[in-house]
Protein backbone atom coordinates (compact mmCIF):
# COMPACT_ATOMS: atom_id res chain seq x y z
CA MET A 1 81.96 67.21 94.82
CA GLU A 2 79.56 67.76 97.72
CA LYS A 3 75.93 66.89 98.22
CA GLN A 4 73.61 69.87 98.07
CA SER A 5 71.59 70.86 101.08
CA MET A 6 67.81 70.88 100.89
CA ALA A 7 67.87 74.69 101.00
CA ALA A 8 70.32 74.84 98.07
CA LEU A 9 68.00 72.72 95.93
CA GLY A 10 65.47 75.57 95.93
CA ARG A 11 62.34 73.41 95.91
CA LEU A 12 58.91 75.00 95.75
CA SER A 13 56.62 74.94 98.75
CA VAL A 14 53.45 72.86 98.40
CA GLU A 15 51.44 76.05 97.81
CA GLU A 16 53.89 77.30 95.17
CA PHE A 17 53.92 73.88 93.49
CA ARG A 18 50.11 73.72 93.34
CA GLY A 19 50.07 77.11 91.59
CA ALA A 20 52.95 76.37 89.23
CA GLY A 21 52.58 75.18 85.64
CA LYS A 22 52.38 71.44 85.05
CA PHE A 23 53.28 69.22 82.16
CA PRO A 24 50.20 68.08 80.21
CA LEU A 25 50.68 64.50 81.38
CA MET A 26 48.39 62.51 83.63
CA LEU A 27 48.63 58.99 85.07
CA VAL A 28 45.54 56.79 85.36
CA LEU A 29 45.98 53.92 87.83
CA ASP A 30 43.84 50.93 86.84
CA ASN A 31 43.29 48.80 89.97
CA ILE A 32 46.76 49.13 91.50
CA ARG A 33 46.65 46.74 94.45
CA SER A 34 49.67 48.03 96.42
CA GLY A 35 49.36 51.27 98.34
CA LEU A 36 53.17 51.42 98.36
CA ASN A 37 53.15 51.52 94.54
CA VAL A 38 50.46 54.21 94.56
CA GLY A 39 52.56 56.31 96.97
CA SER A 40 55.64 55.92 94.79
CA ILE A 41 53.64 57.05 91.76
CA PHE A 42 52.57 60.17 93.68
CA ARG A 43 56.27 60.94 94.29
CA THR A 44 56.96 60.54 90.57
CA ALA A 45 54.03 62.83 89.70
CA ASP A 46 55.41 65.46 92.07
CA ALA A 47 59.01 65.09 90.84
CA PHE A 48 58.03 65.63 87.21
CA ALA A 49 55.22 68.18 87.82
CA LEU A 50 52.53 66.04 86.20
CA GLU A 51 49.02 67.42 85.78
CA SER A 52 47.41 64.84 88.07
CA VAL A 53 46.83 61.22 89.03
CA ILE A 54 43.51 59.42 88.72
CA LEU A 55 43.03 56.50 91.09
CA CYS A 56 40.58 53.86 89.88
CA GLY A 57 38.94 50.71 91.19
CA ILE A 58 40.80 49.04 94.05
CA SER A 59 43.66 51.55 93.95
CA ALA A 60 44.19 52.88 97.48
CA GLN A 61 43.36 56.52 98.15
CA PRO A 62 45.05 59.00 100.50
CA PRO A 63 45.23 59.04 103.42
CA HIS A 64 46.24 55.40 103.40
CA ARG A 65 49.20 54.38 105.55
CA GLU A 66 51.01 52.53 102.73
CA ILE A 67 50.57 55.48 100.36
CA LEU A 68 51.77 57.96 102.97
CA LYS A 69 54.83 55.79 103.71
CA THR A 70 56.20 56.12 100.17
CA ALA A 71 54.55 59.36 99.00
CA LEU A 72 56.41 61.42 101.63
CA GLY A 73 53.90 64.27 101.46
CA SER A 74 53.36 64.33 97.70
CA THR A 75 49.67 63.51 98.17
CA GLU A 76 49.40 67.12 99.36
CA SER A 77 51.09 68.62 96.30
CA VAL A 78 49.79 66.42 93.46
CA GLU A 79 46.23 66.85 92.24
CA TRP A 80 44.33 63.55 92.31
CA THR A 81 40.84 62.18 91.93
CA TYR A 82 39.18 58.82 92.42
CA LEU A 83 36.79 57.17 89.95
CA GLU A 84 35.16 53.76 90.23
CA SER A 85 36.66 52.48 87.01
CA ALA A 86 39.54 53.25 84.67
CA GLU A 87 37.12 52.89 81.77
CA GLU A 88 35.07 55.78 83.18
CA ALA A 89 38.26 57.79 83.65
CA VAL A 90 39.56 57.33 80.11
CA CYS A 91 36.15 58.06 78.59
CA ARG A 92 35.93 61.33 80.55
CA LEU A 93 39.48 62.29 79.63
CA LYS A 94 38.88 61.57 75.94
CA ALA A 95 35.81 63.81 76.04
CA GLU A 96 38.03 66.56 77.53
CA GLY A 97 40.55 66.25 74.68
CA TRP A 98 43.22 64.09 76.37
CA ARG A 99 45.05 61.52 74.23
CA ILE A 100 44.89 58.17 76.01
CA TRP A 101 47.68 55.59 75.87
CA ALA A 102 48.26 52.43 77.85
CA VAL A 103 51.57 51.26 79.24
CA GLU A 104 51.18 47.63 78.30
CA GLN A 105 52.50 44.71 76.29
CA THR A 106 50.15 44.32 73.33
CA THR A 107 50.28 42.81 69.86
CA THR A 108 50.53 46.32 68.41
CA LYS A 109 52.57 48.78 70.39
CA VAL A 110 55.01 51.63 70.12
CA TRP A 111 58.32 51.18 71.88
CA LEU A 112 58.62 53.91 74.48
CA GLN A 113 61.78 55.33 72.92
CA ASP A 114 59.93 55.66 69.57
CA PHE A 115 56.87 57.43 71.00
CA THR A 116 56.87 61.16 70.27
CA PRO A 117 54.32 63.35 72.02
CA GLU A 118 52.84 65.98 69.71
CA PRO A 119 53.33 69.58 70.83
CA GLY A 120 50.20 71.15 72.29
CA GLU A 121 48.55 67.80 73.08
CA LYS A 122 47.58 66.48 76.53
CA TYR A 123 48.39 62.85 77.33
CA ALA A 124 47.04 60.40 79.88
CA PHE A 125 48.86 57.09 80.36
CA VAL A 126 47.05 54.16 81.94
CA LEU A 127 49.08 51.90 84.22
CA GLY A 128 47.58 48.53 85.05
CA ASN A 129 47.20 46.13 87.92
CA GLU A 130 50.40 44.45 89.10
CA VAL A 131 49.16 40.99 88.07
CA HIS A 132 46.68 41.54 85.23
CA GLY A 133 47.90 44.77 83.64
CA VAL A 134 45.55 47.24 81.97
CA ALA A 135 42.03 45.82 81.69
CA GLU A 136 40.87 44.79 78.19
CA ASN A 137 37.81 47.10 78.36
CA VAL A 138 40.15 50.02 79.10
CA LEU A 139 42.55 49.11 76.27
CA GLN A 140 39.63 49.44 73.83
CA HIS A 141 39.47 53.17 74.59
CA CYS A 142 43.21 53.79 74.22
CA GLU A 143 44.74 55.31 71.13
CA GLY A 144 47.62 52.88 71.47
CA ALA A 145 50.05 51.25 73.86
CA VAL A 146 53.65 52.02 74.68
CA GLU A 147 55.96 49.26 75.83
CA ILE A 148 59.16 49.64 77.80
CA PRO A 149 61.92 47.47 76.29
CA GLN A 150 63.14 44.74 78.61
CA PHE A 151 66.10 42.43 78.23
CA GLY A 152 65.96 40.10 81.23
CA THR A 153 64.05 36.94 82.07
CA LYS A 154 61.01 38.63 83.66
CA HIS A 155 58.17 39.90 81.54
CA SER A 156 57.22 42.96 83.52
CA ILE A 157 58.54 45.91 85.48
CA ASN A 158 57.10 47.06 88.81
CA VAL A 159 54.25 49.46 88.07
CA ALA A 160 55.77 52.30 90.10
CA VAL A 161 59.09 51.89 88.31
CA ALA A 162 57.27 51.81 84.96
CA ALA A 163 55.46 55.04 85.90
CA GLY A 164 58.83 56.69 86.59
CA ILE A 165 60.40 55.49 83.35
CA VAL A 166 57.45 56.55 81.21
CA SER A 167 57.06 59.91 82.98
CA TRP A 168 60.73 60.79 82.61
CA GLU A 169 60.86 59.81 78.94
CA LEU A 170 57.75 61.83 78.10
CA ILE A 171 58.78 64.88 80.13
CA ARG A 172 62.22 64.75 78.51
CA LYS A 173 60.62 64.70 75.07
CA MET A 174 58.03 67.36 75.93
CA SER A 175 60.78 69.63 77.29
CA PHE A 176 63.00 69.41 74.23
CA ASN A 177 60.40 69.04 71.46
CA LYS A 178 58.35 72.19 72.09
CA ALA A 179 56.93 73.79 69.01
């Protein structure tokens, strides 16, 4: 076994990536306070060819040094927009036909492994603030909430890690459950 070279991996250029097809999955960042987390989420969005990222509220915006440190150039390949509030973002997305789900611990939820995206639908997942989670006013506009099972003593997962877990699980299901 040998590691592959960067050339052997055959990655797209930024221009090719921007023109390539994307999965109908978007991440909405509701007041993410760490630019490092925002940058990591950009890397995830690039890795899984997500439609875009919407930055809301206090979430840092490129070019921000903390974002650039962890994004490693993915702010150039991933489409993104900024809106004042996540509530505004989810209302706009709903009007455009996106199905809105929160990644949150709620009294009624769907375990991530049990969530099945419907073929032909577009999904936006809201990820909340590192301390307070997804805002209550935003939850009111969500179709539901998915929760990542946890088995340790802590009651949360880092938001950037959660974005990666959710994105991979949904892309995996979208890839193999095409109608």
